Amino acid sequence: MYLGFPSALVSVLRCPEDQAALAIQGHSAEHIRTGTLTCVRCARCYGVRDGIVCLLADAPAHVESALEMQVRDQRIRERIASGEGEWRSAHATVTEMLPTVASLGDVDGRLVVELGCGSGRYTTPLLERGARVLAVDFSFESLQLLARGVKEQEVVGLVQADVSKLAFAPRSIDCMMSTLHSNLPTRDHRMASLRLAAEALVDSGRFSFSVHLYGPRAVVGGEPQSGHYVENGIYRYHMRPAEVVRETAPYFARLRFEPLNVNVPGIPSLTVSRLIRRTPVGGVFARLLLAVADHPRRQPVDELVSPMAQMVSRLLGRPRPPREPPRG
């Protein structure tokens, strides 16, 4: 049973409008089921309903995000009405879900932010491994369904928010993961998500995020790099590894890749898929790519201009003002 948003985790949240701290109004209990959080600077109020902190003040501005929220909310309502459970696949569990969770390392007792948690496919194994989880999604219905499966002793806070406008206290998060990176509608949205992670993670923190891979399988299959899922019309973008590197480098000093959802056409063997994933050709048969980013940069790299370089620029009469990274 989900008791409500843990009061102790409120200090980690920030106002999406001005990144100031949020205060609990008239509440001293260990968990918040219903209430209001108020920004200490701009006095903007954010409601807590059914233990879910609602930081999404308005519907998403981008048409693709608004459509996705509508489709997913409708899908959740249909699942609840029919009694249908969470989709499960042994192949996806072994070749996608377990490697993604494992990439975070030991999460026991650590605070993990999950971006795009949905109804809890990844949240459950994180909690089972002892993590304290802030589960974020913009679908309120998905968060309500997730809450039904939370156990009383598990430490989890549910947050409705747009990840491109979200903010946390600096250096307050141990790990962060995202399975929605390829569903963000623009490059600016993806960069805002990366910036969020870099600013919120502790120095030893890690950000693991999966993307649809624009690799041999997608190219040979004739899939457009930018398009929509056939079954529901939700936007998705296939990324080349070089694109992931370019977008991640300003915010993280180290990045490595792992192929996910590997399967060999005509060989429906989980054992073969598991073995191929560990070989250099795993990426040839992968549909997804897991990016594991470490060593967050406190300033985007293209803002790091040495005092000497600034002086030379002034002497040459060509001042180079630092570029403001996109906020989504």
C-alpha atoms as a PDB file:
ATOM      1  CA  MET A   1       0.000   0.000   0.000  1.00  0.00           C
ATOM      2  CA  TYR A   2       1.369   3.406  -1.007  1.00  0.00           C
ATOM      3  CA  LEU A   3       1.223   5.550   2.124  1.00  0.00           C
ATOM      4  CA  GLY A   4       1.844   8.825   0.295  1.00  0.00           C
ATOM      5  CA  PHE A   5       4.754  11.039  -0.710  1.00  0.00           C
ATOM      6  CA  PRO A   6       7.533  10.783   1.904  1.00  0.00           C
ATOM      7  CA  SER A   7       7.873  14.138   3.676  1.00  0.00           C
ATOM      8  CA  ALA A   8      11.641  13.605   3.910  1.00  0.00           C
ATOM      9  CA  LEU A   9      11.932  13.713   0.110  1.00  0.00           C
ATOM     10  CA  VAL A  10      10.253  17.110  -0.289  1.00  0.00           C
ATOM     11  CA  SER A  11      13.636  18.786   0.303  1.00  0.00           C
ATOM     12  CA  VAL A  12      14.895  17.184  -2.932  1.00  0.00           C
ATOM     13  CA  LEU A  13      12.154  18.740  -5.083  1.00  0.00           C
ATOM     14  CA  ARG A  14      12.409  22.191  -6.650  1.00  0.00           C
ATOM     15  CA  CYS A  15       9.906  24.575  -8.201  1.00  0.00           C
ATOM     16  CA  PRO A  16       9.867  24.046 -11.993  1.00  0.00           C
ATOM     17  CA  GLU A  17       9.463  27.797 -12.522  1.00  0.00           C
ATOM     18  CA  ASP A  18      12.442  29.205 -10.607  1.00  0.00           C
ATOM     19  CA  GLN A  19      14.246  26.142  -9.141  1.00  0.00           C
ATOM     20  CA  ALA A  20      13.662  27.336  -5.571  1.00  0.00           C
ATOM     21  CA  ALA A  21      12.877  25.013  -2.662  1.00  0.00           C
ATOM     22  CA  LEU A  22       9.365  23.804  -1.877  1.00  0.00           C
ATOM     23  CA  ALA A  23       7.800  23.926   1.589  1.00  0.00           C
ATOM     24  CA  ILE A  24       5.058  21.726   3.037  1.00  0.00           C
ATOM     25  CA  GLN A  25       2.033  23.728   4.104  1.00  0.00           C
ATOM     26  CA  GLY A  26       0.469  22.697   7.415  1.00  0.00           C
ATOM     27  CA  HIS A  27       1.724  19.121   7.402  1.00  0.00           C
ATOM     28  CA  SER A  28       3.975  17.264   9.831  1.00  0.00           C
ATOM     29  CA  ALA A  29       3.214  13.599   9.142  1.00  0.00           C
ATOM     30  CA  GLU A  30       5.740  11.153   7.712  1.00  0.00           C
ATOM     31  CA  HIS A  31       3.798  10.824   4.445  1.00  0.00           C
ATOM     32  CA  ILE A  32       1.649  13.265   2.484  1.00  0.00           C
ATOM     33  CA  ARG A  33      -1.570  11.983   0.930  1.00  0.00           C
ATOM     34  CA  THR A  34      -3.233  15.336   0.274  1.00  0.00           C
ATOM     35  CA  GLY A  35      -1.790  18.799   0.639  1.00  0.00           C
ATOM     36  CA  THR A  36       0.100  21.662  -0.930  1.00  0.00           C
ATOM     37  CA  LEU A  37       3.763  22.403  -1.601  1.00  0.00           C
ATOM     38  CA  THR A  38       4.632  26.085  -1.971  1.00  0.00           C
ATOM     39  CA  CYS A  39       7.679  27.634  -3.605  1.00  0.00           C
ATOM     40  CA  VAL A  40       9.598  29.664  -1.026  1.00  0.00           C
ATOM     41  CA  ARG A  41      10.509  32.265  -3.667  1.00  0.00           C
ATOM     42  CA  CYS A  42       7.631  32.734  -6.124  1.00  0.00           C
ATOM     43  CA  ALA A  43       4.889  31.339  -3.826  1.00  0.00           C
ATOM     44  CA  ARG A  44       3.554  29.130  -6.607  1.00  0.00           C
ATOM     45  CA  CYS A  45       1.528  26.230  -5.162  1.00  0.00           C
ATOM     46  CA  TYR A  46       1.667  22.580  -6.213  1.00  0.00           C
ATOM     47  CA  GLY A  47      -0.945  20.103  -5.078  1.00  0.00           C
ATOM     48  CA  VAL A  48      -0.470  16.626  -3.660  1.00  0.00           C
ATOM     49  CA  ARG A  49      -3.283  14.245  -4.599  1.00  0.00           C
ATOM     50  CA  ASP A  50      -3.403  10.538  -3.697  1.00  0.00           C
ATOM     51  CA  GLY A  51       0.203  10.946  -2.533  1.00  0.00           C
ATOM     52  CA  ILE A  52       1.316  12.182  -5.957  1.00  0.00           C
ATOM     53  CA  VAL A  53       3.107  15.545  -6.126  1.00  0.00           C
ATOM     54  CA  CYS A  54       1.732  17.394  -9.160  1.00  0.00           C
ATOM     55  CA  LEU A  55       4.485  19.605 -10.611  1.00  0.00           C
ATOM     56  CA  LEU A  56       2.866  19.625 -14.042  1.00  0.00           C
ATOM     57  CA  ALA A  57       1.035  22.938 -13.894  1.00  0.00           C
ATOM     58  CA  ASP A  58      -0.284  22.816 -17.446  1.00  0.00           C
ATOM     59  CA  ALA A  59      -0.613  20.330 -20.279  1.00  0.00           C
ATOM     60  CA  PRO A  60       2.688  19.783 -22.156  1.00  0.00           C
ATOM     61  CA  ALA A  61       3.262  22.599 -24.651  1.00  0.00           C
ATOM     62  CA  HIS A  62       4.653  20.350 -27.392  1.00  0.00           C
ATOM     63  CA  VAL A  63       1.997  18.637 -29.487  1.00  0.00           C
ATOM     64  CA  GLU A  64       3.840  15.280 -29.481  1.00  0.00           C
ATOM     65  CA  SER A  65       4.107  15.233 -25.680  1.00  0.00           C
ATOM     66  CA  ALA A  66       0.461  16.209 -25.283  1.00  0.00           C
ATOM     67  CA  LEU A  67      -0.565  13.375 -27.614  1.00  0.00           C
ATOM     68  CA  GLU A  68       1.584  10.864 -25.727  1.00  0.00           C
ATOM     69  CA  MET A  69       0.052  11.848 -22.393  1.00  0.00           C
ATOM     70  CA  GLN A  70      -3.438  11.494 -23.845  1.00  0.00           C
ATOM     71  CA  VAL A  71      -2.707   8.097 -25.402  1.00  0.00           C
ATOM     72  CA  ARG A  72      -1.039   6.707 -22.300  1.00  0.00           C
ATOM     73  CA  ASP A  73      -3.757   7.922 -19.934  1.00  0.00           C
ATOM     74  CA  GLN A  74      -6.372   6.283 -22.148  1.00  0.00           C
ATOM     75  CA  ARG A  75      -4.365   3.062 -22.290  1.00  0.00           C
ATOM     76  CA  ILE A  76      -4.129   2.934 -18.495  1.00  0.00           C
ATOM     77  CA  ARG A  77      -7.879   3.448 -18.151  1.00  0.00           C
ATOM     78  CA  GLU A  78      -8.452   0.552 -20.556  1.00  0.00           C
ATOM     79  CA  ARG A  79      -6.052  -1.674 -18.602  1.00  0.00           C
ATOM     80  CA  ILE A  80      -7.802  -0.915 -15.323  1.00  0.00           C
ATOM     81  CA  ALA A  81     -11.232  -1.556 -16.837  1.00  0.00           C
ATOM     82  CA  SER A  82     -10.174  -4.886 -18.324  1.00  0.00           C
ATOM     83  CA  GLY A  83      -8.040  -6.028 -15.393  1.00  0.00           C
ATOM     84  CA  GLU A  84      -5.048  -6.402 -17.705  1.00  0.00           C
ATOM     85  CA  GLY A  85      -1.689  -6.545 -15.941  1.00  0.00           C
ATOM     86  CA  GLU A  86       1.678  -4.981 -16.775  1.00  0.00           C
ATOM     87  CA  TRP A  87       3.117  -6.237 -20.066  1.00  0.00           C
ATOM     88  CA  ARG A  88       5.851  -8.816 -19.484  1.00  0.00           C
ATOM     89  CA  SER A  89       8.309 -10.532 -21.801  1.00  0.00           C
ATOM     90  CA  ALA A  90      11.088 -12.904 -20.770  1.00  0.00           C
ATOM     91  CA  HIS A  91      13.203 -11.680 -23.686  1.00  0.00           C
ATOM     92  CA  ALA A  92      12.728  -7.988 -22.825  1.00  0.00           C
ATOM     93  CA  THR A  93      13.372  -8.680 -19.150  1.00  0.00           C
ATOM     94  CA  VAL A  94      16.703 -10.418 -19.787  1.00  0.00           C
ATOM     95  CA  THR A  95      18.006  -8.354 -22.710  1.00  0.00           C
ATOM     96  CA  GLU A  96      16.648  -4.932 -21.760  1.00  0.00           C
ATOM     97  CA  MET A  97      15.275  -4.435 -18.254  1.00  0.00           C
ATOM     98  CA  LEU A  98      17.814  -6.319 -16.132  1.00  0.00           C
ATOM     99  CA  PRO A  99      20.894  -4.804 -17.874  1.00  0.00           C
ATOM    100  CA  THR A 100      19.419  -1.313 -17.478  1.00  0.00           C
ATOM    101  CA  VAL A 101      18.843  -1.734 -13.747  1.00  0.00           C
ATOM    102  CA  ALA A 102      22.232  -3.447 -13.308  1.00  0.00           C
ATOM    103  CA  SER A 103      24.009  -0.517 -14.989  1.00  0.00           C
ATOM    104  CA  LEU A 104      23.175   1.657 -11.959  1.00  0.00           C
ATOM    105  CA  GLY A 105      25.278  -0.550  -9.707  1.00  0.00           C
ATOM    106  CA  ASP A 106      24.382  -1.214  -6.075  1.00  0.00           C
ATOM    107  CA  VAL A 107      21.283   0.888  -5.354  1.00  0.00           C
ATOM    108  CA  ASP A 108      20.539  -0.425  -1.849  1.00  0.00           C
ATOM    109  CA  GLY A 109      19.721   2.589   0.317  1.00  0.00           C
ATOM    110  CA  ARG A 110      20.493   5.032  -2.478  1.00  0.00           C
ATOM    111  CA  LEU A 111      18.138   7.656  -3.894  1.00  0.00           C
ATOM    112  CA  VAL A 112      17.277   6.888  -7.512  1.00  0.00           C
ATOM    113  CA  VAL A 113      15.234   9.107  -9.830  1.00  0.00           C
ATOM    114  CA  GLU A 114      13.345   7.239 -12.532  1.00  0.00           C
ATOM    115  CA  LEU A 115      12.258   9.429 -15.444  1.00  0.00           C
ATOM    116  CA  GLY A 116       9.289   8.075 -17.385  1.00  0.00           C
ATOM    117  CA  CYS A 117       8.370   5.442 -14.800  1.00  0.00           C
ATOM    118  CA  GLY A 118       4.988   4.628 -16.358  1.00  0.00           C
ATOM    119  CA  SER A 119       3.049   2.156 -14.231  1.00  0.00           C
ATOM    120  CA  GLY A 120       6.167   0.722 -12.601  1.00  0.00           C
ATOM    121  CA  ARG A 121       7.875  -1.805 -14.863  1.00  0.00           C
ATOM    122  CA  TYR A 122      11.329  -0.652 -13.682  1.00  0.00           C
ATOM    123  CA  THR A 123      10.230   0.882 -10.382  1.00  0.00           C
ATOM    124  CA  THR A 124       9.419  -2.500  -8.850  1.00  0.00           C
ATOM    125  CA  PRO A 125      12.872  -4.081  -9.378  1.00  0.00           C
ATOM    126  CA  LEU A 126      14.547  -0.894  -8.129  1.00  0.00           C
ATOM    127  CA  LEU A 127      12.502  -1.031  -4.925  1.00  0.00           C
ATOM    128  CA  GLU A 128      13.164  -4.762  -4.566  1.00  0.00           C
ATOM    129  CA  ARG A 129      16.898  -3.963  -4.618  1.00  0.00           C
ATOM    130  CA  GLY A 130      16.463  -1.578  -1.688  1.00  0.00           C
ATOM    131  CA  ALA A 131      16.534   1.721  -3.565  1.00  0.00           C
ATOM    132  CA  ARG A 132      14.663   4.802  -2.451  1.00  0.00           C
ATOM    133  CA  VAL A 133      12.908   5.968  -5.598  1.00  0.00           C
ATOM    134  CA  LEU A 134      11.502   9.204  -6.949  1.00  0.00           C
ATOM    135  CA  ALA A 135       9.315   7.947  -9.791  1.00  0.00           C
ATOM    136  CA  VAL A 136       8.461  10.649 -12.349  1.00  0.00           C
ATOM    137  CA  ASP A 137       5.920  10.584 -15.167  1.00  0.00           C
ATOM    138  CA  PHE A 138       3.498  13.040 -16.772  1.00  0.00           C
ATOM    139  CA  SER A 139       0.673  10.474 -16.846  1.00  0.00           C
ATOM    140  CA  PHE A 140      -1.290  10.791 -13.594  1.00  0.00           C
ATOM    141  CA  GLU A 141      -3.203   7.592 -14.332  1.00  0.00           C
ATOM    142  CA  SER A 142       0.081   5.684 -14.718  1.00  0.00           C
ATOM    143  CA  LEU A 143       1.295   6.949 -11.356  1.00  0.00           C
ATOM    144  CA  GLN A 144      -1.973   5.977  -9.702  1.00  0.00           C
ATOM    145  CA  LEU A 145      -1.642   2.455 -11.089  1.00  0.00           C
ATOM    146  CA  LEU A 146       1.979   2.269  -9.918  1.00  0.00           C
ATOM    147  CA  ALA A 147       0.880   3.283  -6.415  1.00  0.00           C
ATOM    148  CA  ARG A 148      -1.367   0.219  -6.190  1.00  0.00           C
ATOM    149  CA  GLY A 149       1.639  -2.108  -6.294  1.00  0.00           C
ATOM    150  CA  VAL A 150       3.870  -0.276  -3.792  1.00  0.00           C
ATOM    151  CA  LYS A 151       4.487  -2.074  -0.514  1.00  0.00           C
ATOM    152  CA  GLU A 152       4.092  -0.234   2.759  1.00  0.00           C
ATOM    153  CA  GLN A 153       7.750  -0.529   3.754  1.00  0.00           C
ATOM    154  CA  GLU A 154       9.102   0.707   0.410  1.00  0.00           C
ATOM    155  CA  VAL A 155      10.385   4.282   0.142  1.00  0.00           C
ATOM    156  CA  VAL A 156       8.998   5.807  -3.033  1.00  0.00           C
ATOM    157  CA  GLY A 157       7.735   9.262  -3.967  1.00  0.00           C
ATOM    158  CA  LEU A 158       5.513   9.708  -7.016  1.00  0.00           C
ATOM    159  CA  VAL A 159       5.841  12.906  -9.060  1.00  0.00           C
ATOM    160  CA  GLN A 160       3.807  14.101 -12.031  1.00  0.00           C
ATOM    161  CA  ALA A 161       6.050  16.359 -14.097  1.00  0.00           C
ATOM    162  CA  ASP A 162       7.476  17.242 -17.496  1.00  0.00           C
ATOM    163  CA  VAL A 163      11.099  16.038 -17.347  1.00  0.00           C
ATOM    164  CA  SER A 164      12.262  18.923 -19.562  1.00  0.00           C
ATOM    165  CA  LYS A 165      11.023  21.413 -16.930  1.00  0.00           C
ATOM    166  CA  LEU A 166      11.851  19.435 -13.815  1.00  0.00           C
ATOM    167  CA  ALA A 167      14.416  20.444 -11.191  1.00  0.00           C
ATOM    168  CA  PHE A 168      15.948  18.841  -8.111  1.00  0.00           C
ATOM    169  CA  ALA A 169      18.233  20.107  -5.395  1.00  0.00           C
ATOM    170  CA  PRO A 170      21.866  20.198  -6.627  1.00  0.00           C
ATOM    171  CA  ARG A 171      23.935  17.115  -5.775  1.00  0.00           C
ATOM    172  CA  SER A 172      20.981  15.405  -4.091  1.00  0.00           C
ATOM    173  CA  ILE A 173      20.462  12.319  -6.284  1.00  0.00           C
ATOM    174  CA  ASP A 174      22.642   9.189  -6.257  1.00  0.00           C
ATOM    175  CA  CYS A 175      21.497   7.672  -9.570  1.00  0.00           C
ATOM    176  CA  MET A 176      19.109   8.536 -12.350  1.00  0.00           C
ATOM    177  CA  MET A 177      17.629   6.428 -15.121  1.00  0.00           C
ATOM    178  CA  SER A 178      15.379   7.148 -18.076  1.00  0.00           C
ATOM    179  CA  THR A 179      13.591   4.995 -20.630  1.00  0.00           C
ATOM    180  CA  LEU A 180      11.857   7.940 -22.319  1.00  0.00           C
ATOM    181  CA  HIS A 181      14.852   9.678 -23.898  1.00  0.00           C
ATOM    182  CA  SER A 182      13.901   8.656 -27.445  1.00  0.00           C
ATOM    183  CA  ASN A 183      10.312   9.768 -26.888  1.00  0.00           C
ATOM    184  CA  LEU A 184      11.261  13.349 -26.048  1.00  0.00           C
ATOM    185  CA  PRO A 185      10.054  15.408 -29.023  1.00  0.00           C
ATOM    186  CA  THR A 186      13.122  17.568 -29.745  1.00  0.00           C
ATOM    187  CA  ARG A 187      16.861  17.794 -29.220  1.00  0.00           C
ATOM    188  CA  ASP A 188      16.286  20.657 -26.783  1.00  0.00           C
ATOM    189  CA  HIS A 189      14.069  18.402 -24.664  1.00  0.00           C
ATOM    190  CA  ARG A 190      16.763  15.697 -24.606  1.00  0.00           C
ATOM    191  CA  MET A 191      19.463  18.229 -23.686  1.00  0.00           C
ATOM    192  CA  ALA A 192      17.276  19.605 -20.882  1.00  0.00           C
ATOM    193  CA  SER A 193      16.928  16.069 -19.499  1.00  0.00           C
ATOM    194  CA  LEU A 194      20.714  15.613 -19.565  1.00  0.00           C
ATOM    195  CA  ARG A 195      21.245  18.950 -17.874  1.00  0.00           C
ATOM    196  CA  LEU A 196      18.726  17.990 -15.170  1.00  0.00           C
ATOM    197  CA  ALA A 197      20.711  14.827 -14.437  1.00  0.00           C
ATOM    198  CA  ALA A 198      24.105  16.551 -14.410  1.00  0.00           C
ATOM    199  CA  GLU A 199      22.973  19.218 -11.960  1.00  0.00           C
ATOM    200  CA  ALA A 200      21.056  16.919  -9.605  1.00  0.00           C
ATOM    201  CA  LEU A 201      23.497  14.002  -9.317  1.00  0.00           C
ATOM    202  CA  VAL A 202      26.180  13.714  -6.658  1.00  0.00           C
ATOM    203  CA  ASP A 203      29.780  13.773  -7.895  1.00  0.00           C
ATOM    204  CA  SER A 204      29.869   9.967  -8.061  1.00  0.00           C
ATOM    205  CA  GLY A 205      26.375   9.800  -9.562  1.00  0.00           C
ATOM    206  CA  ARG A 206      25.388   7.952 -12.724  1.00  0.00           C
ATOM    207  CA  PHE A 207      22.749   8.525 -15.391  1.00  0.00           C
ATOM    208  CA  SER A 208      21.630   5.477 -17.387  1.00  0.00           C
ATOM    209  CA  PHE A 209      19.255   6.113 -20.263  1.00  0.00           C
ATOM    210  CA  SER A 210      18.121   3.965 -23.162  1.00  0.00           C
ATOM    211  CA  VAL A 211      17.434   5.145 -26.716  1.00  0.00           C
ATOM    212  CA  HIS A 212      16.033   3.611 -29.862  1.00  0.00           C
ATOM    213  CA  LEU A 213      19.096   2.739 -31.922  1.00  0.00           C
ATOM    214  CA  TYR A 214      19.382   3.958 -35.504  1.00  0.00           C
ATOM    215  CA  GLY A 215      21.587   1.021 -36.418  1.00  0.00           C
ATOM    216  CA  PRO A 216      21.661  -1.757 -39.022  1.00  0.00           C
ATOM    217  CA  ARG A 217      18.317  -3.251 -38.002  1.00  0.00           C
ATOM    218  CA  ALA A 218      16.456   0.054 -38.249  1.00  0.00           C
ATOM    219  CA  VAL A 219      18.163   1.025 -41.523  1.00  0.00           C
ATOM    220  CA  VAL A 220      17.646  -2.346 -43.218  1.00  0.00           C
ATOM    221  CA  GLY A 221      14.055  -2.429 -41.986  1.00  0.00           C
ATOM    222  CA  GLY A 222      13.403   0.948 -43.603  1.00  0.00           C
ATOM    223  CA  GLU A 223      12.353   2.627 -40.364  1.00  0.00           C
ATOM    224  CA  PRO A 224      12.516   6.431 -40.521  1.00  0.00           C
ATOM    225  CA  GLN A 225      14.867   7.965 -37.986  1.00  0.00           C
ATOM    226  CA  SER A 226      12.129  10.308 -36.775  1.00  0.00           C
ATOM    227  CA  GLY A 227       8.602   8.938 -36.678  1.00  0.00           C
ATOM    228  CA  HIS A 228       5.822   7.378 -34.643  1.00  0.00           C
ATOM    229  CA  TYR A 229       4.941   3.961 -33.262  1.00  0.00           C
ATOM    230  CA  VAL A 230       2.510   2.313 -35.650  1.00  0.00           C
ATOM    231  CA  GLU A 231       0.343   0.884 -32.871  1.00  0.00           C
ATOM    232  CA  ASN A 232      -0.411   4.134 -30.998  1.00  0.00           C
ATOM    233  CA  GLY A 233       0.995   7.161 -32.847  1.00  0.00           C
ATOM    234  CA  ILE A 234       3.400   8.145 -30.020  1.00  0.00           C
ATOM    235  CA  TYR A 235       6.538   9.936 -31.211  1.00  0.00           C
ATOM    236  CA  ARG A 236       9.901   8.175 -31.169  1.00  0.00           C
ATOM    237  CA  TYR A 237      13.356   9.076 -32.474  1.00  0.00           C
ATOM    238  CA  HIS A 238      16.066   6.584 -33.416  1.00  0.00           C
ATOM    239  CA  MET A 239      19.481   7.886 -32.369  1.00  0.00           C
ATOM    240  CA  ARG A 240      22.901   7.253 -33.855  1.00  0.00           C
ATOM    241  CA  PRO A 241      25.614   6.627 -31.221  1.00  0.00           C
ATOM    242  CA  ALA A 242      27.475   9.724 -32.435  1.00  0.00           C
ATOM    243  CA  GLU A 243      24.378  11.828 -31.716  1.00  0.00           C
ATOM    244  CA  VAL A 244      24.193  10.474 -28.181  1.00  0.00           C
ATOM    245  CA  VAL A 245      27.874  11.321 -27.677  1.00  0.00           C
ATOM    246  CA  ARG A 246      27.468  14.895 -28.958  1.00  0.00           C
ATOM    247  CA  GLU A 247      24.439  15.601 -26.802  1.00  0.00           C
ATOM    248  CA  THR A 248      25.828  13.973 -23.655  1.00  0.00           C
ATOM    249  CA  ALA A 249      29.412  15.309 -23.750  1.00  0.00           C
ATOM    250  CA  PRO A 250      28.575  18.835 -22.504  1.00  0.00           C
ATOM    251  CA  TYR A 251      27.074  17.391 -19.324  1.00  0.00           C
ATOM    252  CA  PHE A 252      29.060  14.228 -18.549  1.00  0.00           C
ATOM    253  CA  ALA A 253      32.779  13.517 -18.812  1.00  0.00           C
ATOM    254  CA  ARG A 254      32.454   9.774 -19.410  1.00  0.00           C
ATOM    255  CA  LEU A 255      30.028   7.736 -21.487  1.00  0.00           C
ATOM    256  CA  ARG A 256      29.814   4.086 -22.418  1.00  0.00           C
ATOM    257  CA  PHE A 257      27.290   2.046 -24.401  1.00  0.00           C
ATOM    258  CA  GLU A 258      25.628  -1.349 -24.061  1.00  0.00           C
ATOM    259  CA  PRO A 259      23.362  -2.938 -26.714  1.00  0.00           C
ATOM    260  CA  LEU A 260      19.846  -3.770 -25.521  1.00  0.00           C
ATOM    261  CA  ASN A 261      16.979  -5.840 -26.888  1.00  0.00           C
ATOM    262  CA  VAL A 262      19.342  -7.962 -28.969  1.00  0.00           C
ATOM    263  CA  ASN A 263      17.861 -10.748 -31.068  1.00  0.00           C
ATOM    264  CA  VAL A 264      19.040 -12.597 -34.146  1.00  0.00           C
ATOM    265  CA  PRO A 265      16.397 -12.826 -36.911  1.00  0.00           C
ATOM    266  CA  GLY A 266      15.216 -16.394 -37.364  1.00  0.00           C
ATOM    267  CA  ILE A 267      16.784 -17.571 -34.082  1.00  0.00           C
ATOM    268  CA  PRO A 268      14.219 -17.034 -31.291  1.00  0.00           C
ATOM    269  CA  SER A 269      16.617 -18.174 -28.597  1.00  0.00           C
ATOM    270  CA  LEU A 270      17.057 -16.185 -25.406  1.00  0.00           C
ATOM    271  CA  THR A 271      20.406 -17.909 -24.794  1.00  0.00           C
ATOM    272  CA  VAL A 272      21.709 -16.836 -28.208  1.00  0.00           C
ATOM    273  CA  SER A 273      20.482 -13.281 -27.656  1.00  0.00           C
ATOM    274  CA  ARG A 274      22.204 -13.132 -24.276  1.00  0.00           C
ATOM    275  CA  LEU A 275      25.492 -14.376 -25.722  1.00  0.00           C
ATOM    276  CA  ILE A 276      25.402 -12.112 -28.788  1.00  0.00           C
ATOM    277  CA  ARG A 277      24.736  -9.062 -26.605  1.00  0.00           C
ATOM    278  CA  ARG A 278      28.112  -9.542 -24.947  1.00  0.00           C
ATOM    279  CA  THR A 279      30.072  -9.682 -28.210  1.00  0.00           C
ATOM    280  CA  PRO A 280      31.404  -6.797 -30.366  1.00  0.00           C
ATOM    281  CA  VAL A 281      28.647  -7.461 -32.937  1.00  0.00           C
ATOM    282  CA  GLY A 282      25.865  -7.111 -30.368  1.00  0.00           C
ATOM    283  CA  GLY A 283      25.022  -3.650 -31.699  1.00  0.00           C
ATOM    284  CA  VAL A 284      24.282  -5.073 -35.139  1.00  0.00           C
ATOM    285  CA  PHE A 285      21.325  -7.015 -33.747  1.00  0.00           C
ATOM    286  CA  ALA A 286      20.211  -4.467 -31.122  1.00  0.00           C
ATOM    287  CA  ARG A 287      17.055  -2.387 -31.233  1.00  0.00           C
ATOM    288  CA  LEU A 288      17.985  -0.255 -28.245  1.00  0.00           C
ATOM    289  CA  LEU A 289      21.164   1.311 -26.933  1.00  0.00           C
ATOM    290  CA  LEU A 290      21.886   1.872 -23.250  1.00  0.00           C
ATOM    291  CA  ALA A 291      23.986   4.963 -22.531  1.00  0.00           C
ATOM    292  CA  VAL A 292      25.707   5.021 -19.132  1.00  0.00           C
ATOM    293  CA  ALA A 293      27.010   8.483 -18.223  1.00  0.00           C
ATOM    294  CA  ASP A 294      29.352   9.221 -15.309  1.00  0.00           C
ATOM    295  CA  HIS A 295      31.235  12.224 -13.883  1.00  0.00           C
ATOM    296  CA  PRO A 296      28.611  14.959 -14.223  1.00  0.00           C
ATOM    297  CA  ARG A 297      29.891  18.355 -15.298  1.00  0.00           C
ATOM    298  CA  ARG A 298      28.745  21.242 -13.117  1.00  0.00           C
ATOM    299  CA  GLN A 299      28.974  23.537 -16.148  1.00  0.00           C
ATOM    300  CA  PRO A 300      28.347  22.408 -19.726  1.00  0.00           C
ATOM    301  CA  VAL A 301      31.726  21.914 -21.368  1.00  0.00           C
ATOM    302  CA  ASP A 302      31.260  24.662 -23.946  1.00  0.00           C
ATOM    303  CA  GLU A 303      30.836  27.151 -21.092  1.00  0.00           C
ATOM    304  CA  LEU A 304      34.188  26.229 -19.587  1.00  0.00           C
ATOM    305  CA  VAL A 305      36.326  29.063 -20.941  1.00  0.00           C
ATOM    306  CA  SER A 306      39.582  29.656 -19.115  1.00  0.00           C
ATOM    307  CA  PRO A 307      40.385  33.161 -17.794  1.00  0.00           C
ATOM    308  CA  MET A 308      43.333  33.286 -20.210  1.00  0.00           C
ATOM    309  CA  ALA A 309      41.087  32.469 -23.170  1.00  0.00           C
ATOM    310  CA  GLN A 310      38.665  35.187 -22.090  1.00  0.00           C
ATOM    311  CA  MET A 311      41.509  37.722 -21.849  1.00  0.00           C
ATOM    312  CA  VAL A 312      42.809  36.808 -25.314  1.00  0.00           C
ATOM    313  CA  SER A 313      39.297  37.141 -26.735  1.00  0.00           C
ATOM    314  CA  ARG A 314      38.960  40.628 -25.251  1.00  0.00           C
ATOM    315  CA  LEU A 315      42.369  41.687 -26.581  1.00  0.00           C
ATOM    316  CA  LEU A 316      41.410  40.485 -30.042  1.00  0.00           C
ATOM    317  CA  GLY A 317      38.112  42.316 -29.834  1.00  0.00           C
ATOM    318  CA  ARG A 318      36.111  39.137 -30.337  1.00  0.00           C
ATOM    319  CA  PRO A 319      34.438  38.420 -27.016  1.00  0.00           C
ATOM    320  CA  ARG A 320      32.803  35.010 -26.897  1.00  0.00           C
ATOM    321  CA  PRO A 321      29.911  34.999 -24.420  1.00  0.00           C
ATOM    322  CA  PRO A 322      29.144  31.562 -22.980  1.00  0.00           C
ATOM    323  CA  ARG A 323      26.163  29.866 -24.587  1.00  0.00           C
ATOM    324  CA  GLU A 324      23.173  29.177 -22.416  1.00  0.00           C
ATOM    325  CA  PRO A 325      22.342  25.462 -22.644  1.00  0.00           C
ATOM    326  CA  PRO A 326      18.775  24.656 -23.700  1.00  0.00           C
ATOM    327  CA  ARG A 327      16.169  24.229 -20.994  1.00  0.00           C
ATOM    328  CA  GLY A 328      13.615  22.522 -23.141  1.00  0.00           C
END
